[in-house]
């Protein structure tokens, strides 16, 4: 199995300025709001199980 490249070394990907400068990440940017999933107002990546799993599989998670 091929090694997975670090996210910041993927061809064509330019990290945001704050990440390039080494500023700390805000974990809330990555949080899933389960109340929105429950209320069916979340982004489609979270509302549609097939789409969610496709994203995970494509990321090799």
Protein backbone atom coordinates (compact mmCIF):
# COMPACT_ATOMS: atom_id res chain seq x y z
CA UNK A 1 0.00 0.00 0.00
CA UNK A 2 1.36 3.41 -0.96
CA UNK A 3 2.14 5.87 1.78
CA UNK A 4 -0.30 8.72 2.16
CA UNK A 5 1.20 12.15 1.57
CA UNK A 6 0.81 14.72 4.33
CA UNK A 7 -2.13 17.03 3.60
CA UNK A 8 0.19 19.97 3.05
CA UNK A 9 2.17 18.16 0.32
CA UNK A 10 -0.69 17.22 -2.00
CA UNK A 11 -0.08 18.46 -5.56
CA UNK A 12 -2.17 21.51 -6.35
CA UNK A 13 -3.08 22.19 -2.72
CA UNK A 14 -2.10 25.51 -1.20
CA UNK A 15 -2.81 25.74 2.52
CA UNK A 16 -4.52 28.85 3.86
CA UNK A 17 -2.26 31.71 4.89
CA UNK A 18 -2.80 31.10 8.62
CA UNK A 19 -1.68 27.47 8.21
CA UNK A 20 1.35 28.43 6.14
CA UNK A 21 2.33 30.85 8.90
CA UNK A 22 2.04 28.13 11.55
CA UNK A 23 -0.82 29.77 13.45
CA UNK A 24 -2.75 27.34 15.71
CA UNK A 25 -5.89 25.71 14.35
CA UNK A 26 -9.29 26.33 15.88
CA UNK A 27 -10.84 22.90 16.45
CA UNK A 28 -14.34 24.35 16.01
CA UNK A 29 -13.59 24.71 12.28
CA UNK A 30 -13.59 20.91 12.03
CA UNK A 31 -16.47 20.14 14.36
CA UNK A 32 -19.63 18.51 13.08
CA UNK A 33 -22.77 20.12 14.44
CA UNK A 34 -24.86 17.04 15.17
CA UNK A 35 -27.94 19.16 15.80
CA UNK A 36 -27.74 20.29 12.15
CA UNK A 37 -27.42 16.69 11.01
CA UNK A 38 -30.47 15.79 13.11
CA UNK A 39 -32.43 18.77 11.75
CA UNK A 40 -31.34 17.99 8.18
CA UNK A 41 -29.73 21.42 7.76
CA UNK A 42 -26.11 20.22 7.67
CA UNK A 43 -24.06 20.31 4.45
CA UNK A 44 -24.86 17.44 2.10
CA UNK A 45 -21.56 15.72 2.94
CA UNK A 46 -23.04 15.01 6.38
CA UNK A 47 -26.71 14.49 5.45
CA UNK A 48 -26.12 11.87 2.75
CA UNK A 49 -24.46 8.71 4.14
CA UNK A 50 -23.21 7.56 0.72
CA UNK A 51 -21.57 10.92 0.06
CA UNK A 52 -20.07 11.03 3.56
CA UNK A 53 -18.53 7.56 3.18
CA UNK A 54 -17.31 8.35 -0.34
CA UNK A 55 -15.43 11.37 1.03
CA UNK A 56 -13.92 9.27 3.83
CA UNK A 57 -12.87 6.52 1.43
CA UNK A 58 -11.32 9.02 -0.97
CA UNK A 59 -9.26 10.42 1.93
CA UNK A 60 -8.13 6.92 2.95
CA UNK A 61 -9.51 7.46 6.45
